[in-house]
Amino acid sequence: MNRRTFLQSAMVMTAASRLRGQAAVSEWGGPVRDIHLHLRQNADGNFNHIQGSGVSNAVLLSNATAAAHAKELIAAYPGHFVWFGSADVTQPDAIDRLTKALDDGAIGLGEMKSRVEAAGPEMQRVYALASERNVPVTLHFQEISQPGSVGTYNTGLKKF
């Protein structure tokens, strides 16, 4: 998926939320969308977090195995959440798991965070799936180890 397609997807999400009446003006002067919210164990915790931040809706980022939990949250708070599914791309069943996540309602892939090169063969398979299904992909780029996140992930940003 190229940048233009990603931006078009983001605009579609924005338009869809307005059609559902979720674009009410907030204290920020307009709707605020959080595109990087990790799924919490407690459904109310996710909703309380966005409400406390003045966020109108959010993209939940979780492992593909959490489909049921993500779908429960989306159903409990209509119009406030959508879901992206992820998997460790170094695992042999990663593409199958990502495909199942999309079939289960994920509208994108991410946050992809694996110890691979962003332009490497593992991620190329993810990009091919995203292209086939016309969905965006979010990546965690990390070229150096950090205290809260030891190691590197999706390296080679310059080459990518």
Protein backbone atom coordinates (compact mmCIF):
# COMPACT_ATOMS: atom_id res chain seq x y z
CA MET A 1 0.00 0.00 0.00
CA ASN A 2 1.41 3.39 -0.90
CA ARG A 3 1.15 6.62 1.07
CA ARG A 4 -1.74 7.89 -1.08
CA THR A 5 -3.78 4.74 -0.41
CA PHE A 6 -3.05 4.97 3.33
CA LEU A 7 -4.17 8.59 3.43
CA GLN A 8 -7.31 7.74 1.47
CA SER A 9 -8.06 5.01 4.04
CA ALA A 10 -7.63 7.50 6.86
CA MET A 11 -9.98 9.94 5.14
CA VAL A 12 -12.57 7.19 4.67
CA MET A 13 -12.38 6.39 8.40
CA THR A 14 -12.86 10.08 9.19
CA ALA A 15 -15.83 10.37 6.86
CA ALA A 16 -17.37 7.15 8.20
CA SER A 17 -17.13 8.38 11.76
CA ARG A 18 -18.92 11.60 10.79
CA LEU A 19 -21.69 9.61 9.16
CA ARG A 20 -22.12 7.73 12.43
CA GLY A 21 -22.38 10.99 14.35
CA GLN A 22 -19.07 10.59 16.14
CA ALA A 23 -17.48 13.81 14.89
CA ALA A 24 -18.83 16.03 17.63
CA VAL A 25 -16.64 18.98 18.50
CA SER A 26 -14.45 18.30 21.51
CA GLU A 27 -12.41 20.59 23.72
CA TRP A 28 -9.75 20.32 21.00
CA GLY A 29 -11.97 22.15 18.49
CA GLY A 30 -12.87 19.07 16.50
CA PRO A 31 -12.72 15.30 16.57
CA VAL A 32 -9.48 13.72 17.75
CA ARG A 33 -8.62 10.23 16.59
CA ASP A 34 -6.04 8.15 18.43
CA ILE A 35 -4.42 5.87 15.87
CA HIS A 36 -2.21 4.09 18.40
CA LEU A 37 -4.16 2.67 21.33
CA HIS A 38 -3.05 -0.68 22.70
CA LEU A 39 -5.93 -2.90 23.75
CA ARG A 40 -6.34 -2.98 27.52
CA GLN A 41 -7.66 -5.99 29.42
CA ASN A 42 -10.64 -4.06 30.77
CA ALA A 43 -13.05 -2.76 28.09
CA ASP A 44 -14.09 0.18 30.26
CA GLY A 45 -10.41 1.09 30.64
CA ASN A 46 -10.12 1.64 26.88
CA PHE A 47 -13.22 3.83 26.76
CA ASN A 48 -12.32 5.78 29.91
CA HIS A 49 -8.86 6.43 28.48
CA ILE A 50 -10.13 8.01 25.27
CA GLN A 51 -12.86 9.95 27.07
CA GLY A 52 -10.37 11.32 29.60
CA SER A 53 -8.11 12.42 26.76
CA GLY A 54 -10.81 14.14 24.75
CA VAL A 55 -10.45 11.54 21.99
CA SER A 56 -13.55 10.79 19.91
CA ASN A 57 -12.46 7.39 18.60
CA ALA A 58 -9.39 5.19 18.41
CA VAL A 59 -7.64 2.44 16.50
CA LEU A 60 -7.06 -0.52 18.80
CA LEU A 61 -3.75 -2.24 18.17
CA SER A 62 -3.59 -5.82 19.38
CA ASN A 63 -2.39 -9.27 18.60
CA ALA A 64 -4.56 -11.15 16.13
CA THR A 65 -5.39 -13.64 18.89
CA ALA A 66 -7.32 -10.90 20.72
CA ALA A 67 -10.03 -10.65 18.04
CA ALA A 68 -12.84 -11.62 20.40
CA HIS A 69 -11.79 -9.03 22.98
CA ALA A 70 -11.49 -6.30 20.32
CA LYS A 71 -14.88 -7.16 18.83
CA GLU A 72 -16.52 -7.05 22.28
CA LEU A 73 -15.10 -3.59 22.89
CA ILE A 74 -16.19 -2.34 19.46
CA ALA A 75 -19.71 -3.68 20.09
CA ALA A 76 -19.86 -2.19 23.61
CA TYR A 77 -18.88 1.29 22.39
CA PRO A 78 -20.18 1.67 18.81
CA GLY A 79 -18.40 4.27 16.72
CA HIS A 80 -15.57 4.73 19.18
CA PHE A 81 -13.18 1.95 18.17
CA VAL A 82 -11.84 0.11 15.15
CA TRP A 83 -9.24 -2.64 15.26
CA PHE A 84 -5.87 -3.45 13.67
CA GLY A 85 -4.48 -6.97 14.18
CA SER A 86 -0.83 -7.90 14.50
CA ALA A 87 1.34 -10.99 14.71
CA ASP A 88 4.99 -11.84 15.12
CA VAL A 89 6.05 -12.09 11.48
CA THR A 90 8.91 -14.42 12.36
CA GLN A 91 6.37 -17.15 13.13
CA PRO A 92 5.43 -19.50 10.27
CA ASP A 93 1.67 -18.94 10.72
CA ALA A 94 1.86 -15.12 10.88
CA ILE A 95 0.17 -14.42 7.55
CA ASP A 96 -2.58 -16.94 8.30
CA ARG A 97 -3.18 -15.23 11.67
CA LEU A 98 -3.23 -11.78 10.07
CA THR A 99 -5.62 -12.97 7.36
CA LYS A 100 -7.92 -14.39 10.03
CA ALA A 101 -7.78 -11.10 11.94
CA LEU A 102 -8.92 -9.26 8.81
CA ASP A 103 -11.67 -11.83 8.30
CA ASP A 104 -12.67 -11.29 11.96
CA GLY A 105 -13.12 -7.55 11.52
CA ALA A 106 -9.68 -5.92 11.72
CA ILE A 107 -9.52 -3.00 9.28
CA GLY A 108 -5.72 -2.85 9.20
CA LEU A 109 -2.52 -4.57 10.25
CA GLY A 110 -0.49 -3.32 13.16
CA GLU A 111 1.23 -2.35 15.13
CA MET A 112 3.70 -4.67 13.47
CA LYS A 113 6.63 -5.02 15.85
CA SER A 114 9.03 -7.82 15.02
CA ARG A 115 12.79 -8.19 15.09
CA VAL A 116 13.15 -8.05 11.33
CA GLU A 117 14.07 -5.56 8.63
CA ALA A 118 11.20 -3.35 7.50
CA ALA A 119 12.01 -4.20 3.87
CA GLY A 120 12.82 -7.86 4.61
CA PRO A 121 10.98 -10.93 3.32
CA GLU A 122 8.82 -11.35 6.43
CA MET A 123 7.43 -7.83 6.14
CA GLN A 124 7.13 -8.12 2.36
CA ARG A 125 4.57 -10.87 2.97
CA VAL A 126 2.66 -8.51 5.28
CA TYR A 127 2.71 -5.75 2.67
CA ALA A 128 1.47 -8.20 0.03
CA LEU A 129 -1.46 -9.19 2.26
CA ALA A 130 -2.22 -5.52 3.00
CA SER A 131 -2.15 -4.74 -0.71
CA GLU A 132 -4.37 -7.71 -1.53
CA ARG A 133 -6.90 -6.70 1.14
CA ASN A 134 -6.46 -2.93 0.60
CA VAL A 135 -5.75 -2.17 4.26
CA PRO A 136 -3.12 0.02 5.96
CA VAL A 137 -0.14 -1.25 7.95
CA THR A 138 1.41 0.47 10.96
CA LEU A 139 4.99 -0.36 11.94
CA HIS A 140 7.07 0.11 15.05
CA PHE A 141 10.45 1.34 13.83
CA GLN A 142 13.21 1.05 16.41
CA GLU A 143 16.82 1.19 15.27
CA ILE A 144 18.39 1.23 18.75
CA SER A 145 17.51 -0.47 22.00
CA GLN A 146 15.60 1.65 24.50
CA PRO A 147 15.11 1.19 28.27
CA GLY A 148 11.38 0.47 28.01
CA SER A 149 11.67 -1.54 24.79
CA VAL A 150 14.86 -3.56 24.64
CA GLY A 151 16.04 -4.59 21.19
CA THR A 152 15.39 -3.38 17.67
CA TYR A 153 12.28 -3.71 15.55
CA ASN A 154 11.57 -3.26 11.84
CA THR A 155 15.03 -1.88 11.24
CA GLY A 156 16.42 -0.38 8.06
CA LEU A 157 14.12 2.61 7.81
CA LYS A 158 16.52 4.36 5.43
CA LYS A 159 16.60 1.35 3.12
CA PHE A 160 12.85 0.91 3.46
